[in-house]
């Protein structure tokens, strides 16, 4: 059994974003501008940008980002192996960040 019905969730998310867009169109326009900025430089292909977005999404724990960027990554030809490598990188960075911040907590403890 799936954790979520990701396709239904994505549809609900788009509907909710559409409602926000009606209330604050410039907010959505600004967001869309940020999202499309990388595509304009074309230093990375769309698949790579989506895999990076997925890695960031798990770091931020954003289910909305996960469902949107997973679908986009798949649409742009990402494989499960590429997904696993991108997510493995995110897991590694998150573990590294926890280690770095552990040194801060240790220092705070010693100075308390």
C-alpha atoms as a PDB file:
ATOM      1  CA  UNK A   1       0.000   0.000   0.000  1.00  0.00           C
ATOM      2  CA  UNK A   2       1.275   3.453  -0.901  1.00  0.00           C
ATOM      3  CA  UNK A   3       1.981   6.063   1.769  1.00  0.00           C
ATOM      4  CA  UNK A   4       0.004   8.628  -0.179  1.00  0.00           C
ATOM      5  CA  UNK A   5      -2.009   8.757  -3.373  1.00  0.00           C
ATOM      6  CA  UNK A   6       0.650  10.973  -4.916  1.00  0.00           C
ATOM      7  CA  UNK A   7      -1.256  11.716  -8.123  1.00  0.00           C
ATOM      8  CA  UNK A   8      -4.367  12.801  -6.229  1.00  0.00           C
ATOM      9  CA  UNK A   9      -2.264  14.782  -3.777  1.00  0.00           C
ATOM     10  CA  UNK A  10      -0.521  16.562  -6.672  1.00  0.00           C
ATOM     11  CA  UNK A  11      -3.909  17.454  -8.203  1.00  0.00           C
ATOM     12  CA  UNK A  12      -5.110  18.816  -4.848  1.00  0.00           C
ATOM     13  CA  UNK A  13      -1.887  20.778  -4.466  1.00  0.00           C
ATOM     14  CA  UNK A  14      -2.237  22.362  -7.908  1.00  0.00           C
ATOM     15  CA  UNK A  15      -5.830  23.313  -7.086  1.00  0.00           C
ATOM     16  CA  UNK A  16      -4.708  24.911  -3.816  1.00  0.00           C
ATOM     17  CA  UNK A  17      -1.899  26.789  -5.538  1.00  0.00           C
ATOM     18  CA  UNK A  18      -4.430  27.952  -8.120  1.00  0.00           C
ATOM     19  CA  UNK A  19      -6.574  29.385  -5.321  1.00  0.00           C
ATOM     20  CA  UNK A  20      -3.554  31.201  -3.858  1.00  0.00           C
ATOM     21  CA  UNK A  21      -2.795  32.475  -7.352  1.00  0.00           C
ATOM     22  CA  UNK A  22      -6.243  34.045  -7.588  1.00  0.00           C
ATOM     23  CA  UNK A  23      -5.700  35.794  -4.258  1.00  0.00           C
ATOM     24  CA  UNK A  24      -2.095  36.812  -4.914  1.00  0.00           C
ATOM     25  CA  UNK A  25      -1.145  36.415  -8.570  1.00  0.00           C
ATOM     26  CA  UNK A  26       2.196  38.199  -8.209  1.00  0.00           C
ATOM     27  CA  UNK A  27       3.293  35.679  -5.579  1.00  0.00           C
ATOM     28  CA  UNK A  28       2.717  32.789  -7.979  1.00  0.00           C
ATOM     29  CA  UNK A  29       4.246  34.747 -10.859  1.00  0.00           C
ATOM     30  CA  UNK A  30       7.371  35.397  -8.764  1.00  0.00           C
ATOM     31  CA  UNK A  31       7.563  31.747  -7.763  1.00  0.00           C
ATOM     32  CA  UNK A  32       7.233  30.664 -11.398  1.00  0.00           C
ATOM     33  CA  UNK A  33       9.983  33.105 -12.378  1.00  0.00           C
ATOM     34  CA  UNK A  34      12.319  31.581  -9.780  1.00  0.00           C
ATOM     35  CA  UNK A  35      11.450  28.067 -10.900  1.00  0.00           C
ATOM     36  CA  UNK A  36      12.105  28.836 -14.546  1.00  0.00           C
ATOM     37  CA  UNK A  37      15.319  30.814 -14.036  1.00  0.00           C
ATOM     38  CA  UNK A  38      17.602  27.776 -14.184  1.00  0.00           C
ATOM     39  CA  UNK A  39      16.039  26.569 -17.412  1.00  0.00           C
ATOM     40  CA  UNK A  40      16.955  29.843 -19.116  1.00  0.00           C
ATOM     41  CA  UNK A  41      20.683  29.418 -18.525  1.00  0.00           C
ATOM     42  CA  UNK A  42      20.595  25.786 -19.669  1.00  0.00           C
ATOM     43  CA  UNK A  43      23.760  24.859 -17.772  1.00  0.00           C
ATOM     44  CA  UNK A  44      21.910  21.793 -16.445  1.00  0.00           C
ATOM     45  CA  UNK A  45      19.304  19.772 -18.279  1.00  0.00           C
ATOM     46  CA  UNK A  46      15.740  19.524 -16.977  1.00  0.00           C
ATOM     47  CA  UNK A  47      16.217  15.985 -15.635  1.00  0.00           C
ATOM     48  CA  UNK A  48      19.229  17.021 -13.559  1.00  0.00           C
ATOM     49  CA  UNK A  49      17.411  20.090 -12.196  1.00  0.00           C
ATOM     50  CA  UNK A  50      14.464  17.899 -11.173  1.00  0.00           C
ATOM     51  CA  UNK A  51      16.728  15.363  -9.447  1.00  0.00           C
ATOM     52  CA  UNK A  52      18.377  18.201  -7.523  1.00  0.00           C
ATOM     53  CA  UNK A  53      14.935  19.545  -6.644  1.00  0.00           C
ATOM     54  CA  UNK A  54      13.960  16.121  -5.292  1.00  0.00           C
ATOM     55  CA  UNK A  55      17.094  15.927  -3.183  1.00  0.00           C
ATOM     56  CA  UNK A  56      16.323  19.358  -1.757  1.00  0.00           C
ATOM     57  CA  UNK A  57      12.676  18.369  -1.255  1.00  0.00           C
ATOM     58  CA  UNK A  58      13.578  15.490   1.022  1.00  0.00           C
ATOM     59  CA  UNK A  59      15.949  17.744   2.928  1.00  0.00           C
ATOM     60  CA  UNK A  60      13.100  20.205   3.461  1.00  0.00           C
ATOM     61  CA  UNK A  61      10.576  17.414   4.089  1.00  0.00           C
ATOM     62  CA  UNK A  62       8.137  18.929   1.587  1.00  0.00           C
ATOM     63  CA  UNK A  63       5.623  16.379   0.270  1.00  0.00           C
ATOM     64  CA  UNK A  64       4.296  18.901  -2.239  1.00  0.00           C
ATOM     65  CA  UNK A  65       7.781  19.405  -3.664  1.00  0.00           C
ATOM     66  CA  UNK A  66       8.328  15.644  -3.709  1.00  0.00           C
ATOM     67  CA  UNK A  67       5.199  14.854  -5.716  1.00  0.00           C
ATOM     68  CA  UNK A  68       5.736  17.659  -8.248  1.00  0.00           C
ATOM     69  CA  UNK A  69       9.449  17.073  -8.814  1.00  0.00           C
ATOM     70  CA  UNK A  70       9.141  13.260  -8.846  1.00  0.00           C
ATOM     71  CA  UNK A  71       6.602  13.511 -11.655  1.00  0.00           C
ATOM     72  CA  UNK A  72       8.747  16.040 -13.518  1.00  0.00           C
ATOM     73  CA  UNK A  73      11.914  13.975 -13.087  1.00  0.00           C
ATOM     74  CA  UNK A  74      10.136  10.923 -14.469  1.00  0.00           C
ATOM     75  CA  UNK A  75       8.707  12.990 -17.337  1.00  0.00           C
ATOM     76  CA  UNK A  76      12.235  14.112 -18.230  1.00  0.00           C
ATOM     77  CA  UNK A  77      13.530  10.539 -18.294  1.00  0.00           C
ATOM     78  CA  UNK A  78      15.045  10.047 -14.836  1.00  0.00           C
ATOM     79  CA  UNK A  79      15.517   6.408 -13.905  1.00  0.00           C
ATOM     80  CA  UNK A  80      15.001   4.832 -10.498  1.00  0.00           C
ATOM     81  CA  UNK A  81      18.761   4.383 -10.298  1.00  0.00           C
ATOM     82  CA  UNK A  82      19.354   8.100 -10.904  1.00  0.00           C
ATOM     83  CA  UNK A  83      16.680   8.903  -8.327  1.00  0.00           C
ATOM     84  CA  UNK A  84      18.344   6.612  -5.784  1.00  0.00           C
ATOM     85  CA  UNK A  85      21.708   8.279  -6.361  1.00  0.00           C
ATOM     86  CA  UNK A  86      20.274  11.787  -6.006  1.00  0.00           C
ATOM     87  CA  UNK A  87      18.413  10.832  -2.826  1.00  0.00           C
ATOM     88  CA  UNK A  88      21.489   9.054  -1.491  1.00  0.00           C
ATOM     89  CA  UNK A  89      23.410  12.289  -1.924  1.00  0.00           C
ATOM     90  CA  UNK A  90      20.711  14.179  -0.017  1.00  0.00           C
ATOM     91  CA  UNK A  91      20.789  11.607   2.769  1.00  0.00           C
ATOM     92  CA  UNK A  92      24.560  11.964   2.999  1.00  0.00           C
ATOM     93  CA  UNK A  93      24.392  15.768   3.135  1.00  0.00           C
ATOM     94  CA  UNK A  94      21.671  15.658   5.782  1.00  0.00           C
ATOM     95  CA  UNK A  95      23.744  13.267   7.883  1.00  0.00           C
ATOM     96  CA  UNK A  96      26.745  15.562   7.413  1.00  0.00           C
ATOM     97  CA  UNK A  97      24.709  18.568   8.468  1.00  0.00           C
ATOM     98  CA  UNK A  98      23.564  16.697  11.574  1.00  0.00           C
ATOM     99  CA  UNK A  99      27.192  15.915  12.377  1.00  0.00           C
ATOM    100  CA  UNK A 100      28.238  19.556  11.912  1.00  0.00           C
ATOM    101  CA  UNK A 101      25.381  20.794  14.107  1.00  0.00           C
ATOM    102  CA  UNK A 102      26.223  18.121  16.668  1.00  0.00           C
ATOM    103  CA  UNK A 103      29.538  19.894  17.165  1.00  0.00           C
ATOM    104  CA  UNK A 104      27.598  23.100  17.845  1.00  0.00           C
ATOM    105  CA  UNK A 105      25.358  21.345  20.374  1.00  0.00           C
ATOM    106  CA  UNK A 106      28.396  19.811  22.034  1.00  0.00           C
ATOM    107  CA  UNK A 107      30.064  23.222  22.281  1.00  0.00           C
ATOM    108  CA  UNK A 108      26.892  24.795  23.697  1.00  0.00           C
ATOM    109  CA  UNK A 109      26.665  22.011  26.251  1.00  0.00           C
ATOM    110  CA  UNK A 110      30.268  22.491  27.323  1.00  0.00           C
ATOM    111  CA  UNK A 111      29.791  26.261  27.683  1.00  0.00           C
ATOM    112  CA  UNK A 112      26.496  26.003  29.598  1.00  0.00           C
END
